[in-house]
Amino acid sequence: MRFLNTLKNDIHFQMKYGFYYLYFFFSILYIAVLFFMPAEYQKITASLIILTDPAMLGIFFIGGIWLLEKGEGLHRFWCISPLTPMEYILSKSISLAVLSTISADLIVLTAMRVRVHFAFLSLGILVGAVVFNLIGLMVASYARSVNHYMIIVVLPSVLLTIPPVLTAFGMTHPLLELFPGTALWHLIAFSIGIEHKANWWMWLNLFFWSGILLYIVEKRIKTALQSERGEGA
């Protein structure tokens, strides 16, 4: 119950600060692009839009949220909060992943003129976005400011983006399949008909990265919060 209340509060926070309006704006923009896109290019373009915008935008937003809370001094009061670091991490990453999923579904439902496996797409985006959000939160915990975060998050974003883009254009390699972005692209590609066979190993890939990152991020967030409490003492 405590976690669900926290998740609800995070969603309300995102609504209050206009995250939903921003996602809606970009969704409408991409829908317009796809609507006028020639049919032979629509699927591949849609797969990359869904991968790089709704699913990965959370990387930047979750960093902003962490640094906003840090700037307001909220992390210094962590010791009196009943919320555990894991609950905090899951709530932040899942709430933004839900927003990414809604945006992706809206884009596909409105713009795609093909049969779409919405359940497959939605679950893939949700899990994939959680992975990206966890990476963003971990990177943000090392950032001194928003500007600093925008610099140091570039490399993780590139590593998440380039492998699936190469794969989408037929430049495949077994090592590229290890990246979570590539796994998510395959799930998106199957959902919208680019690939006609579901690659179930991609699910294992995303869940593996989710588990590893949850473990690493929890330890990093505990360290960061303890450090901020020490600075505020």
Foldseek 3Di string as FASTA:
>chain_A
DVLVVLLVVLLVVCVVVCVLVVLVVVLVVLLVVLQPDPPVCNLLVLLLCLLQPLLQVLLLVLLVVVQVCVVVVVLLCVVVDPDALLSVLCSSQQSSLQSSLVSSCSSCVRRPPAQFPSVLLSVLSRLSSSLNNLVSLLLSLPAPHSVRSVVSCVVVSCLLRVLLVCVSVPNDDVVSLLHLSNLSSQSSCCRRPVDVDRDVVSVVSSVVSNVVSSVVSSVSVVVSSVVSNVVVD
